[in-house]
Amino acid sequence: MAKVTLYGIPNCDTVKKARTYLDGRGVGYHFHDYKKAGVEAADLERWIAQVGWEKLLNKAGTTFKKLPDADKADIDEKKAIALMLANPSMIKRPVVEGGASLLVGFKPDIYDAEKF
């Protein structure tokens, strides 16, 4: 069984669903709370290389919506990384690393297809 890392924040409902899913299937994982432990630029760059910054940046969340319009305009990879480093809540949750592929968000059917 692969050792996976689940990145997120503990009070997020989607993160709770993913943790319940993994726990229910006996998948061992390390939980990384990026509100407390932060997130490294190297992690974001690695994830973006796999899924793209557009998938990783949560534009639907409250934190993003509260940004000044200037911060929301003309977003590219560099600006997206800066926003996510400054506000980890803007990273779509959860991010699960260590399986066959990088998972962003939680959809049971996609998790079912993953080889943990």
PDB file of N, CA and C in Angstrom:
ATOM      1  N   MET A   1       0.849  -1.186   0.000  1.00  0.00           N
ATOM      2  CA  MET A   1       0.000   0.000   0.000  1.00  0.00           C
ATOM      3  C   MET A   1       0.890   1.244   0.000  1.00  0.00           C
ATOM      4  N   ALA A   2       0.622   2.141  -0.914  1.00  0.00           N
ATOM      5  CA  ALA A   2       1.405   3.373  -1.006  1.00  0.00           C
ATOM      6  C   ALA A   2       1.082   4.284   0.174  1.00  0.00           C
ATOM      7  N   LYS A   3       2.089   4.961   0.659  1.00  0.00           N
ATOM      8  CA  LYS A   3       1.870   5.946   1.706  1.00  0.00           C
ATOM      9  C   LYS A   3       1.540   7.257   1.024  1.00  0.00           C
ATOM     10  N   VAL A   4       0.370   7.772   1.297  1.00  0.00           N
ATOM     11  CA  VAL A   4      -0.074   8.990   0.637  1.00  0.00           C
ATOM     12  C   VAL A   4      -0.118  10.147   1.636  1.00  0.00           C
ATOM     13  N   THR A   5      -0.095  11.340   1.087  1.00  0.00           N
ATOM     14  CA  THR A   5      -0.257  12.545   1.891  1.00  0.00           C
ATOM     15  C   THR A   5      -1.511  13.240   1.413  1.00  0.00           C
ATOM     16  N   LEU A   6      -2.367  13.568   2.361  1.00  0.00           N
ATOM     17  CA  LEU A   6      -3.589  14.313   2.084  1.00  0.00           C
ATOM     18  C   LEU A   6      -3.365  15.729   2.600  1.00  0.00           C
ATOM     19  N   TYR A   7      -3.401  16.693   1.694  1.00  0.00           N
ATOM     20  CA  TYR A   7      -3.208  18.096   2.042  1.00  0.00           C
ATOM     21  C   TYR A   7      -4.561  18.775   2.115  1.00  0.00           C
ATOM     22  N   GLY A   8      -4.758  19.574   3.159  1.00  0.00           N
ATOM     23  CA  GLY A   8      -6.013  20.298   3.276  1.00  0.00           C
ATOM     24  C   GLY A   8      -6.098  20.996   4.608  1.00  0.00           C
ATOM     25  N   ILE A   9      -7.315  21.326   4.992  1.00  0.00           N
ATOM     26  CA  ILE A   9      -7.572  21.902   6.306  1.00  0.00           C
ATOM     27  C   ILE A   9      -8.638  21.048   6.973  1.00  0.00           C
ATOM     28  N   PRO A  10      -8.485  20.823   8.287  1.00  0.00           N
ATOM     29  CA  PRO A  10      -9.334  19.839   8.958  1.00  0.00           C
ATOM     30  C   PRO A  10     -10.825  20.145   8.983  1.00  0.00           C
ATOM     31  N   ASN A  11     -11.223  21.418   8.957  1.00  0.00           N
ATOM     32  CA  ASN A  11     -12.655  21.723   9.069  1.00  0.00           C
ATOM     33  C   ASN A  11     -13.367  21.803   7.725  1.00  0.00           C
ATOM     34  N   CYS A  12     -12.673  21.508   6.637  1.00  0.00           N
ATOM     35  CA  CYS A  12     -13.281  21.529   5.302  1.00  0.00           C
ATOM     36  C   CYS A  12     -14.112  20.264   5.104  1.00  0.00           C
ATOM     37  N   ASP A  13     -15.366  20.418   4.704  1.00  0.00           N
ATOM     38  CA  ASP A  13     -16.253  19.264   4.511  1.00  0.00           C
ATOM     39  C   ASP A  13     -15.734  18.301   3.450  1.00  0.00           C
ATOM     40  N   THR A  14     -15.159  18.832   2.378  1.00  0.00           N
ATOM     41  CA  THR A  14     -14.644  17.966   1.319  1.00  0.00           C
ATOM     42  C   THR A  14     -13.441  17.165   1.810  1.00  0.00           C
ATOM     43  N   VAL A  15     -12.596  17.796   2.601  1.00  0.00           N
ATOM     44  CA  VAL A  15     -11.453  17.087   3.196  1.00  0.00           C
ATOM     45  C   VAL A  15     -11.960  15.996   4.136  1.00  0.00           C
ATOM     46  N   LYS A  16     -12.986  16.301   4.915  1.00  0.00           N
ATOM     47  CA  LYS A  16     -13.558  15.291   5.823  1.00  0.00           C
ATOM     48  C   LYS A  16     -14.082  14.089   5.039  1.00  0.00           C
ATOM     49  N   LYS A  17     -14.729  14.334   3.899  1.00  0.00           N
ATOM     50  CA  LYS A  17     -15.241  13.236   3.068  1.00  0.00           C
ATOM     51  C   LYS A  17     -14.092  12.379   2.538  1.00  0.00           C
ATOM     52  N   ALA A  18     -13.028  13.020   2.093  1.00  0.00           N
ATOM     53  CA  ALA A  18     -11.876  12.282   1.567  1.00  0.00           C
ATOM     54  C   ALA A  18     -11.218  11.460   2.673  1.00  0.00           C
ATOM     55  N   ARG A  19     -11.095  12.043   3.869  1.00  0.00           N
ATOM     56  CA  ARG A  19     -10.485  11.307   4.988  1.00  0.00           C
ATOM     57  C   ARG A  19     -11.348  10.105   5.376  1.00  0.00           C
ATOM     58  N   THR A  20     -12.655  10.285   5.410  1.00  0.00           N
ATOM     59  CA  THR A  20     -13.574   9.188   5.715  1.00  0.00           C
ATOM     60  C   THR A  20     -13.457   8.096   4.656  1.00  0.00           C
ATOM     61  N   TYR A  21     -13.364   8.488   3.396  1.00  0.00           N
ATOM     62  CA  TYR A  21     -13.212   7.545   2.299  1.00  0.00           C
ATOM     63  C   TYR A  21     -11.930   6.720   2.486  1.00  0.00           C
ATOM     64  N   LEU A  22     -10.808   7.407   2.689  1.00  0.00           N
ATOM     65  CA  LEU A  22      -9.523   6.709   2.840  1.00  0.00           C
ATOM     66  C   LEU A  22      -9.514   5.820   4.085  1.00  0.00           C
ATOM     67  N   ASP A  23     -10.026   6.352   5.199  1.00  0.00           N
ATOM     68  CA  ASP A  23     -10.087   5.569   6.439  1.00  0.00           C
ATOM     69  C   ASP A  23     -10.926   4.304   6.244  1.00  0.00           C
ATOM     70  N   GLY A  24     -12.062   4.446   5.552  1.00  0.00           N
ATOM     71  CA  GLY A  24     -12.965   3.323   5.345  1.00  0.00           C
ATOM     72  C   GLY A  24     -12.376   2.226   4.473  1.00  0.00           C
ATOM     73  N   ARG A  25     -11.355   2.569   3.701  1.00  0.00           N
ATOM     74  CA  ARG A  25     -10.706   1.586   2.826  1.00  0.00           C
ATOM     75  C   ARG A  25      -9.340   1.155   3.338  1.00  0.00           C
ATOM     76  N   GLY A  26      -9.016   1.588   4.545  1.00  0.00           N
ATOM     77  CA  GLY A  26      -7.752   1.189   5.154  1.00  0.00           C
ATOM     78  C   GLY A  26      -6.525   1.766   4.470  1.00  0.00           C
ATOM     79  N   VAL A  27      -6.683   2.913   3.804  1.00  0.00           N
ATOM     80  CA  VAL A  27      -5.552   3.544   3.135  1.00  0.00           C
ATOM     81  C   VAL A  27      -4.787   4.385   4.156  1.00  0.00           C
ATOM     82  N   GLY A  28      -3.514   4.052   4.355  1.00  0.00           N
ATOM     83  CA  GLY A  28      -2.686   4.827   5.265  1.00  0.00           C
ATOM     84  C   GLY A  28      -2.289   6.139   4.624  1.00  0.00           C
ATOM     85  N   TYR A  29      -2.397   7.214   5.361  1.00  0.00           N
ATOM     86  CA  TYR A  29      -2.020   8.521   4.815  1.00  0.00           C
ATOM     87  C   TYR A  29      -1.556   9.434   5.931  1.00  0.00           C
ATOM     88  N   HIS A  30      -0.775  10.408   5.549  1.00  0.00           N
ATOM     89  CA  HIS A  30      -0.354  11.476   6.450  1.00  0.00           C
ATOM     90  C   HIS A  30      -1.213  12.691   6.114  1.00  0.00           C
ATOM     91  N   PHE A  31      -1.780  13.342   7.135  1.00  0.00           N
ATOM     92  CA  PHE A  31      -2.570  14.551   6.902  1.00  0.00           C
ATOM     93  C   PHE A  31      -1.687  15.770   7.102  1.00  0.00           C
ATOM     94  N   HIS A  32      -1.619  16.608   6.070  1.00  0.00           N
ATOM     95  CA  HIS A  32      -0.842  17.844   6.127  1.00  0.00           C
ATOM     96  C   HIS A  32      -1.814  19.018   6.155  1.00  0.00           C
ATOM     97  N   ASP A  33      -1.900  19.669   7.297  1.00  0.00           N
ATOM     98  CA  ASP A  33      -2.785  20.828   7.485  1.00  0.00           C
ATOM     99  C   ASP A  33      -2.034  22.064   7.008  1.00  0.00           C
ATOM    100  N   TYR A  34      -2.372  22.559   5.819  1.00  0.00           N
ATOM    101  CA  TYR A  34      -1.601  23.681   5.338  1.00  0.00           C
ATOM    102  C   TYR A  34      -2.044  25.024   5.889  1.00  0.00           C
ATOM    103  N   LYS A  35      -3.033  25.031   6.734  1.00  0.00           N
ATOM    104  CA  LYS A  35      -3.325  26.254   7.499  1.00  0.00           C
ATOM    105  C   LYS A  35      -2.282  26.393   8.608  1.00  0.00           C
ATOM    106  N   LYS A  36      -1.912  25.255   9.220  1.00  0.00           N
ATOM    107  CA  LYS A  36      -0.933  25.274  10.312  1.00  0.00           C
ATOM    108  C   LYS A  36       0.492  25.105   9.800  1.00  0.00           C
ATOM    109  N   ALA A  37       0.707  24.164   8.898  1.00  0.00           N
ATOM    110  CA  ALA A  37       2.062  23.829   8.443  1.00  0.00           C
ATOM    111  C   ALA A  37       2.474  24.579   7.179  1.00  0.00           C
ATOM    112  N   GLY A  38       1.532  25.273   6.554  1.00  0.00           N
ATOM    113  CA  GLY A  38       1.834  25.993   5.327  1.00  0.00           C
ATOM    114  C   GLY A  38       1.992  25.054   4.146  1.00  0.00           C
ATOM    115  N   VAL A  39       2.346  25.630   3.036  1.00  0.00           N
ATOM    116  CA  VAL A  39       2.589  24.865   1.820  1.00  0.00           C
ATOM    117  C   VAL A  39       3.831  25.459   1.176  1.00  0.00           C
ATOM    118  N   GLU A  40       4.638  24.615   0.607  1.00  0.00           N
ATOM    119  CA  GLU A  40       5.891  25.055  -0.002  1.00  0.00           C
ATOM    120  C   GLU A  40       5.679  25.375  -1.482  1.00  0.00           C
ATOM    121  N   ALA A  41       6.420  26.347  -1.980  1.00  0.00           N
ATOM    122  CA  ALA A  41       6.357  26.689  -3.407  1.00  0.00           C
ATOM    123  C   ALA A  41       6.709  25.465  -4.251  1.00  0.00           C
ATOM    124  N   ALA A  42       7.645  24.658  -3.790  1.00  0.00           N
ATOM    125  CA  ALA A  42       8.044  23.454  -4.538  1.00  0.00           C
ATOM    126  C   ALA A  42       6.877  22.479  -4.676  1.00  0.00           C
ATOM    127  N   ASP A  43       6.055  22.372  -3.624  1.00  0.00           N
ATOM    128  CA  ASP A  43       4.870  21.504  -3.700  1.00  0.00           C
ATOM    129  C   ASP A  43       3.913  22.026  -4.763  1.00  0.00           C
ATOM    130  N   LEU A  44       3.622  23.320  -4.706  1.00  0.00           N
ATOM    131  CA  LEU A  44       2.703  23.920  -5.677  1.00  0.00           C
ATOM    132  C   LEU A  44       3.223  23.745  -7.106  1.00  0.00           C
ATOM    133  N   GLU A  45       4.508  23.975  -7.297  1.00  0.00           N
ATOM    134  CA  GLU A  45       5.088  23.833  -8.633  1.00  0.00           C
ATOM    135  C   GLU A  45       4.994  22.393  -9.131  1.00  0.00           C
ATOM    136  N   ARG A  46       5.237  21.436  -8.237  1.00  0.00           N
ATOM    137  CA  ARG A  46       5.140  20.014  -8.609  1.00  0.00           C
ATOM    138  C   ARG A  46       3.699  19.657  -8.984  1.00  0.00           C
ATOM    139  N   TRP A  47       2.746  20.122  -8.184  1.00  0.00           N
ATOM    140  CA  TRP A  47       1.338  19.841  -8.458  1.00  0.00           C
ATOM    141  C   TRP A  47       0.891  20.493  -9.764  1.00  0.00           C
ATOM    142  N   ILE A  48       1.313  21.743  -9.964  1.00  0.00           N
ATOM    143  CA  ILE A  48       0.935  22.467 -11.185  1.00  0.00           C
ATOM    144  C   ILE A  48       1.491  21.766 -12.421  1.00  0.00           C
ATOM    145  N   ALA A  49       2.682  21.214 -12.308  1.00  0.00           N
ATOM    146  CA  ALA A  49       3.266  20.481 -13.430  1.00  0.00           C
ATOM    147  C   ALA A  49       2.404  19.268 -13.795  1.00  0.00           C
ATOM    148  N   GLN A  50       1.686  18.729 -12.817  1.00  0.00           N
ATOM    149  CA  GLN A  50       0.856  17.548 -13.056  1.00  0.00           C
ATOM    150  C   GLN A  50      -0.573  17.886 -13.473  1.00  0.00           C
ATOM    151  N   VAL A  51      -1.167  18.907 -12.863  1.00  0.00           N
ATOM    152  CA  VAL A  51      -2.597  19.171 -13.123  1.00  0.00           C
ATOM    153  C   VAL A  51      -2.898  20.577 -13.647  1.00  0.00           C
ATOM    154  N   GLY A  52      -1.910  21.471 -13.632  1.00  0.00           N
ATOM    155  CA  GLY A  52      -2.132  22.849 -14.077  1.00  0.00           C
ATOM    156  C   GLY A  52      -2.623  23.738 -12.942  1.00  0.00           C
ATOM    157  N   TRP A  53      -2.230  24.996 -12.965  1.00  0.00           N
ATOM    158  CA  TRP A  53      -2.618  25.910 -11.885  1.00  0.00           C
ATOM    159  C   TRP A  53      -4.113  26.177 -11.894  1.00  0.00           C
ATOM    160  N   GLU A  54      -4.738  26.091 -13.066  1.00  0.00           N
ATOM    161  CA  GLU A  54      -6.169  26.380 -13.170  1.00  0.00           C
ATOM    162  C   GLU A  54      -6.995  25.398 -12.342  1.00  0.00           C
ATOM    163  N   LYS A  55      -6.560  24.154 -12.284  1.00  0.00           N
ATOM    164  CA  LYS A  55      -7.283  23.148 -11.503  1.00  0.00           C
ATOM    165  C   LYS A  55      -6.991  23.302 -10.011  1.00  0.00           C
ATOM    166  N   LEU A  56      -5.806  23.774  -9.684  1.00  0.00           N
ATOM    167  CA  LEU A  56      -5.378  23.860  -8.291  1.00  0.00           C
ATOM    168  C   LEU A  56      -5.918  25.102  -7.579  1.00  0.00           C
ATOM    169  N   LEU A  57      -6.065  26.201  -8.301  1.00  0.00           N
ATOM    170  CA  LEU A  57      -6.535  27.458  -7.696  1.00  0.00           C
ATOM    171  C   LEU A  57      -8.047  27.416  -7.563  1.00  0.00           C
ATOM    172  N   ASN A  58      -8.526  27.522  -6.343  1.00  0.00           N
ATOM    173  CA  ASN A  58      -9.968  27.463  -6.073  1.00  0.00           C
ATOM    174  C   ASN A  58     -10.578  28.853  -6.214  1.00  0.00           C
ATOM    175  N   LYS A  59     -11.096  29.135  -7.397  1.00  0.00           N
ATOM    176  CA  LYS A  59     -11.718  30.438  -7.648  1.00  0.00           C
ATOM    177  C   LYS A  59     -13.136  30.523  -7.105  1.00  0.00           C
ATOM    178  N   ALA A  60     -13.708  29.381  -6.728  1.00  0.00           N
ATOM    179  CA  ALA A  60     -15.086  29.373  -6.219  1.00  0.00           C
ATOM    180  C   ALA A  60     -15.156  29.657  -4.722  1.00  0.00           C
ATOM    181  N   GLY A  61     -14.029  29.637  -4.044  1.00  0.00           N
ATOM    182  CA  GLY A  61     -14.018  29.804  -2.593  1.00  0.00           C
ATOM    183  C   GLY A  61     -14.154  31.240  -2.146  1.00  0.00           C
ATOM    184  N   THR A  62     -14.547  31.404  -0.902  1.00  0.00           N
ATOM    185  CA  THR A  62     -14.746  32.721  -0.304  1.00  0.00           C
ATOM    186  C   THR A  62     -13.462  33.539  -0.305  1.00  0.00           C
ATOM    187  N   THR A  63     -12.336  32.904   0.006  1.00  0.00           N
ATOM    188  CA  THR A  63     -11.068  33.633   0.089  1.00  0.00           C
ATOM    189  C   THR A  63     -10.750  34.299  -1.248  1.00  0.00           C
ATOM    190  N   PHE A  64     -10.910  33.566  -2.343  1.00  0.00           N
ATOM    191  CA  PHE A  64     -10.638  34.141  -3.659  1.00  0.00           C
ATOM    192  C   PHE A  64     -11.633  35.254  -3.981  1.00  0.00           C
ATOM    193  N   LYS A  65     -12.895  35.015  -3.699  1.00  0.00           N
ATOM    194  CA  LYS A  65     -13.928  35.997  -4.029  1.00  0.00           C
ATOM    195  C   LYS A  65     -13.746  37.311  -3.276  1.00  0.00           C
ATOM    196  N   LYS A  66     -13.120  37.262  -2.097  1.00  0.00           N
ATOM    197  CA  LYS A  66     -12.913  38.475  -1.300  1.00  0.00           C
ATOM    198  C   LYS A  66     -11.692  39.273  -1.745  1.00  0.00           C
ATOM    199  N   LEU A  67     -10.896  38.728  -2.653  1.00  0.00           N
ATOM    200  CA  LEU A  67      -9.717  39.452  -3.132  1.00  0.00           C
ATOM    201  C   LEU A  67     -10.124  40.710  -3.880  1.00  0.00           C
ATOM    202  N   PRO A  68      -9.254  41.723  -3.838  1.00  0.00           N
ATOM    203  CA  PRO A  68      -9.506  42.902  -4.679  1.00  0.00           C
ATOM    204  C   PRO A  68      -9.497  42.486  -6.151  1.00  0.00           C
ATOM    205  N   ASP A  69     -10.275  43.192  -6.970  1.00  0.00           N
ATOM    206  CA  ASP A  69     -10.374  42.851  -8.386  1.00  0.00           C
ATOM    207  C   ASP A  69      -9.005  42.813  -9.061  1.00  0.00           C
ATOM    208  N   ALA A  70      -8.101  43.689  -8.651  1.00  0.00           N
ATOM    209  CA  ALA A  70      -6.761  43.726  -9.255  1.00  0.00           C
ATOM    210  C   ALA A  70      -6.026  42.401  -9.034  1.00  0.00           C
ATOM    211  N   ASP A  71      -6.221  41.781  -7.864  1.00  0.00           N
ATOM    212  CA  ASP A  71      -5.567  40.505  -7.578  1.00  0.00           C
ATOM    213  C   ASP A  71      -6.186  39.357  -8.371  1.00  0.00           C
ATOM    214  N   LYS A  72      -7.450  39.497  -8.730  1.00  0.00           N
ATOM    215  CA  LYS A  72      -8.143  38.442  -9.481  1.00  0.00           C
ATOM    216  C   LYS A  72      -7.933  38.555 -10.986  1.00  0.00           C
ATOM    217  N   ALA A  73      -7.393  39.689 -11.432  1.00  0.00           N
ATOM    218  CA  ALA A  73      -7.219  39.926 -12.871  1.00  0.00           C
ATOM    219  C   ALA A  73      -5.880  39.392 -13.366  1.00  0.00           C
ATOM    220  N   ASP A  74      -5.864  38.970 -14.613  1.00  0.00           N
ATOM    221  CA  ASP A  74      -4.630  38.574 -15.298  1.00  0.00           C
ATOM    222  C   ASP A  74      -3.825  37.521 -14.528  1.00  0.00           C
ATOM    223  N   ILE A  75      -4.500  36.499 -14.048  1.00  0.00           N
ATOM    224  CA  ILE A  75      -3.803  35.455 -13.295  1.00  0.00           C
ATOM    225  C   ILE A  75      -3.071  34.530 -14.264  1.00  0.00           C
ATOM    226  N   ASP A  76      -1.803  34.329 -13.961  1.00  0.00           N
ATOM    227  CA  ASP A  76      -1.003  33.346 -14.679  1.00  0.00           C
ATOM    228  C   ASP A  76      -0.404  32.408 -13.621  1.00  0.00           C
ATOM    229  N   GLU A  77       0.445  31.497 -14.044  1.00  0.00           N
ATOM    230  CA  GLU A  77       0.983  30.516 -13.101  1.00  0.00           C
ATOM    231  C   GLU A  77       1.740  31.185 -11.952  1.00  0.00           C
ATOM    232  N   LYS A  78       2.579  32.153 -12.263  1.00  0.00           N
ATOM    233  CA  LYS A  78       3.374  32.830 -11.230  1.00  0.00           C
ATOM    234  C   LYS A  78       2.468  33.535 -10.212  1.00  0.00           C
ATOM    235  N   LYS A  79       1.462  34.233 -10.701  1.00  0.00           N
ATOM    236  CA  LYS A  79       0.536  34.946  -9.814  1.00  0.00           C
ATOM    237  C   LYS A  79      -0.302  33.954  -9.004  1.00  0.00           C
ATOM    238  N   ALA A  80      -0.716  32.851  -9.631  1.00  0.00           N
ATOM    239  CA  ALA A  80      -1.494  31.826  -8.921  1.00  0.00           C
ATOM    240  C   ALA A  80      -0.684  31.234  -7.773  1.00  0.00           C
ATOM    241  N   ILE A  81       0.593  30.950  -8.015  1.00  0.00           N
ATOM    242  CA  ILE A  81       1.456  30.409  -6.953  1.00  0.00           C
ATOM    243  C   ILE A  81       1.570  31.406  -5.816  1.00  0.00           C
ATOM    244  N   ALA A  82       1.793  32.679  -6.134  1.00  0.00           N
ATOM    245  CA  ALA A  82       1.908  33.713  -5.098  1.00  0.00           C
ATOM    246  C   ALA A  82       0.626  33.808  -4.273  1.00  0.00           C
ATOM    247  N   LEU A  83      -0.530  33.755  -4.940  1.00  0.00           N
ATOM    248  CA  LEU A  83      -1.811  33.815  -4.226  1.00  0.00           C
ATOM    249  C   LEU A  83      -1.987  32.609  -3.295  1.00  0.00           C
ATOM    250  N   MET A  84      -1.657  31.409  -3.803  1.00  0.00           N
ATOM    251  CA  MET A  84      -1.839  30.200  -2.994  1.00  0.00           C
ATOM    252  C   MET A  84      -0.849  30.120  -1.840  1.00  0.00           C
ATOM    253  N   LEU A  85       0.366  30.642  -2.032  1.00  0.00           N
ATOM    254  CA  LEU A  85       1.329  30.677  -0.929  1.00  0.00           C
ATOM    255  C   LEU A  85       0.864  31.638   0.168  1.00  0.00           C
ATOM    256  N   ALA A  86       0.335  32.787  -0.250  1.00  0.00           N
ATOM    257  CA  ALA A  86      -0.134  33.793   0.707  1.00  0.00           C
ATOM    258  C   ALA A  86      -1.436  33.377   1.385  1.00  0.00           C
ATOM    259  N   ASN A  87      -2.259  32.608   0.669  1.00  0.00           N
ATOM    260  CA  ASN A  87      -3.581  32.207   1.168  1.00  0.00           C
ATOM    261  C   ASN A  87      -3.813  30.726   0.850  1.00  0.00           C
ATOM    262  N   PRO A  88      -3.296  29.806   1.676  1.00  0.00           N
ATOM    263  CA  PRO A  88      -3.461  28.380   1.371  1.00  0.00           C
ATOM    264  C   PRO A  88      -4.921  27.949   1.214  1.00  0.00           C
ATOM    265  N   SER A  89      -5.849  28.715   1.739  1.00  0.00           N
ATOM    266  CA  SER A  89      -7.269  28.392   1.570  1.00  0.00           C
ATOM    267  C   SER A  89      -7.687  28.452   0.105  1.00  0.00           C
ATOM    268  N   MET A  90      -6.882  29.086  -0.733  1.00  0.00           N
ATOM    269  CA  MET A  90      -7.203  29.182  -2.155  1.00  0.00           C
ATOM    270  C   MET A  90      -6.809  27.927  -2.927  1.00  0.00           C
ATOM    271  N   ILE A  91      -6.154  26.986  -2.267  1.00  0.00           N
ATOM    272  CA  ILE A  91      -5.807  25.731  -2.928  1.00  0.00           C
ATOM    273  C   ILE A  91      -7.019  24.829  -2.862  1.00  0.00           C
ATOM    274  N   LYS A  92      -7.441  24.329  -4.011  1.00  0.00           N
ATOM    275  CA  LYS A  92      -8.590  23.422  -4.033  1.00  0.00           C
ATOM    276  C   LYS A  92      -8.288  22.227  -3.135  1.00  0.00           C
ATOM    277  N   ARG A  93      -9.274  21.815  -2.376  1.00  0.00           N
ATOM    278  CA  ARG A  93      -9.067  20.761  -1.379  1.00  0.00           C
ATOM    279  C   ARG A  93      -9.916  19.540  -1.670  1.00  0.00           C
ATOM    280  N   PRO A  94      -9.389  18.408  -1.200  1.00  0.00           N
ATOM    281  CA  PRO A  94      -8.016  18.154  -0.774  1.00  0.00           C
ATOM    282  C   PRO A  94      -7.111  17.894  -1.969  1.00  0.00           C
ATOM    283  N   VAL A  95      -5.823  17.903  -1.706  1.00  0.00           N
ATOM    284  CA  VAL A  95      -4.832  17.425  -2.669  1.00  0.00           C
ATOM    285  C   VAL A  95      -4.290  16.137  -2.078  1.00  0.00           C
ATOM    286  N   VAL A  96      -4.339  15.059  -2.849  1.00  0.00           N
ATOM    287  CA  VAL A  96      -3.853  13.760  -2.379  1.00  0.00           C
ATOM    288  C   VAL A  96      -2.715  13.329  -3.289  1.00  0.00           C
ATOM    289  N   GLU A  97      -1.552  13.155  -2.661  1.00  0.00           N
ATOM    290  CA  GLU A  97      -0.342  12.818  -3.405  1.00  0.00           C
ATOM    291  C   GLU A  97       0.204  11.498  -2.892  1.00  0.00           C
ATOM    292  N   GLY A  98       0.699  10.680  -3.790  1.00  0.00           N
ATOM    293  CA  GLY A  98       1.332   9.426  -3.382  1.00  0.00           C
ATOM    294  C   GLY A  98       0.703   8.201  -4.003  1.00  0.00           C
ATOM    295  N   GLY A  99      -0.432   8.375  -4.664  1.00  0.00           N
ATOM    296  CA  GLY A  99      -1.042   7.272  -5.397  1.00  0.00           C
ATOM    297  C   GLY A  99      -0.500   7.253  -6.815  1.00  0.00           C
ATOM    298  N   ALA A 100      -1.232   6.662  -7.712  1.00  0.00           N
ATOM    299  CA  ALA A 100      -0.795   6.595  -9.102  1.00  0.00           C
ATOM    300  C   ALA A 100      -0.830   7.967  -9.765  1.00  0.00           C
ATOM    301  N   SER A 101      -1.722   8.825  -9.307  1.00  0.00           N
ATOM    302  CA  SER A 101      -1.822  10.168  -9.867  1.00  0.00           C
ATOM    303  C   SER A 101      -2.141  11.164  -8.767  1.00  0.00           C
ATOM    304  N   LEU A 102      -1.970  12.442  -9.058  1.00  0.00           N
ATOM    305  CA  LEU A 102      -2.289  13.496  -8.104  1.00  0.00           C
ATOM    306  C   LEU A 102      -3.787  13.749  -8.160  1.00  0.00           C
ATOM    307  N   LEU A 103      -4.438  13.683  -7.007  1.00  0.00           N
ATOM    308  CA  LEU A 103      -5.878  13.926  -6.941  1.00  0.00           C
ATOM    309  C   LEU A 103      -6.130  15.308  -6.354  1.00  0.00           C
ATOM    310  N   VAL A 104      -7.017  16.059  -6.995  1.00  0.00           N
ATOM    311  CA  VAL A 104      -7.392  17.387  -6.513  1.00  0.00           C
ATOM    312  C   VAL A 104      -8.906  17.401  -6.370  1.00  0.00           C
ATOM    313  N   GLY A 105      -9.373  17.713  -5.168  1.00  0.00           N
ATOM    314  CA  GLY A 105     -10.802  17.647  -4.889  1.00  0.00           C
ATOM    315  C   GLY A 105     -11.170  16.234  -4.459  1.00  0.00           C
ATOM    316  N   PHE A 106     -12.462  15.982  -4.292  1.00  0.00           N
ATOM    317  CA  PHE A 106     -12.903  14.645  -3.904  1.00  0.00           C
ATOM    318  C   PHE A 106     -14.105  14.226  -4.725  1.00  0.00           C
ATOM    319  N   LYS A 107     -13.922  13.172  -5.483  1.00  0.00           N
ATOM    320  CA  LYS A 107     -15.009  12.520  -6.209  1.00  0.00           C
ATOM    321  C   LYS A 107     -14.810  11.028  -5.996  1.00  0.00           C
ATOM    322  N   PRO A 108     -15.757  10.351  -5.331  1.00  0.00           N
ATOM    323  CA  PRO A 108     -15.571   8.932  -5.013  1.00  0.00           C
ATOM    324  C   PRO A 108     -15.207   8.063  -6.212  1.00  0.00           C
ATOM    325  N   ASP A 109     -15.814   8.322  -7.389  1.00  0.00           N
ATOM    326  CA  ASP A 109     -15.510   7.475  -8.538  1.00  0.00           C
ATOM    327  C   ASP A 109     -14.053   7.618  -8.998  1.00  0.00           C
ATOM    328  N   ILE A 110     -13.500   8.816  -8.867  1.00  0.00           N
ATOM    329  CA  ILE A 110     -12.097   9.016  -9.227  1.00  0.00           C
ATOM    330  C   ILE A 110     -11.198   8.349  -8.183  1.00  0.00           C
ATOM    331  N   TYR A 111     -11.567   8.458  -6.905  1.00  0.00           N
ATOM    332  CA  TYR A 111     -10.798   7.792  -5.854  1.00  0.00           C
ATOM    333  C   TYR A 111     -10.877   6.269  -6.024  1.00  0.00           C
ATOM    334  N   ASP A 112     -12.044   5.762  -6.439  1.00  0.00           N
ATOM    335  CA  ASP A 112     -12.206   4.312  -6.658  1.00  0.00           C
ATOM    336  C   ASP A 112     -11.220   3.805  -7.706  1.00  0.00           C
ATOM    337  N   ALA A 113     -10.944   4.617  -8.720  1.00  0.00           N
ATOM    338  CA  ALA A 113     -10.056   4.205  -9.816  1.00  0.00           C
ATOM    339  C   ALA A 113      -8.570   4.321  -9.437  1.00  0.00           C
ATOM    340  N   GLU A 114      -8.289   5.013  -8.343  1.00  0.00           N
ATOM    341  CA  GLU A 114      -6.903   5.225  -7.927  1.00  0.00           C
ATOM    342  C   GLU A 114      -6.327   3.952  -7.305  1.00  0.00           C
ATOM    343  N   LYS A 115      -5.070   3.708  -7.550  1.00  0.00           N
ATOM    344  CA  LYS A 115      -4.386   2.541  -6.983  1.00  0.00           C
ATOM    345  C   LYS A 115      -3.592   2.972  -5.756  1.00  0.00           C
ATOM    346  N   PHE A 116      -4.252   3.001  -4.630  1.00  0.00           N
ATOM    347  CA  PHE A 116      -3.562   3.397  -3.382  1.00  0.00           C
ATOM    348  C   PHE A 116      -2.755   2.235  -2.849  1.00  0.00           C
TER     349      PHE A 116
END
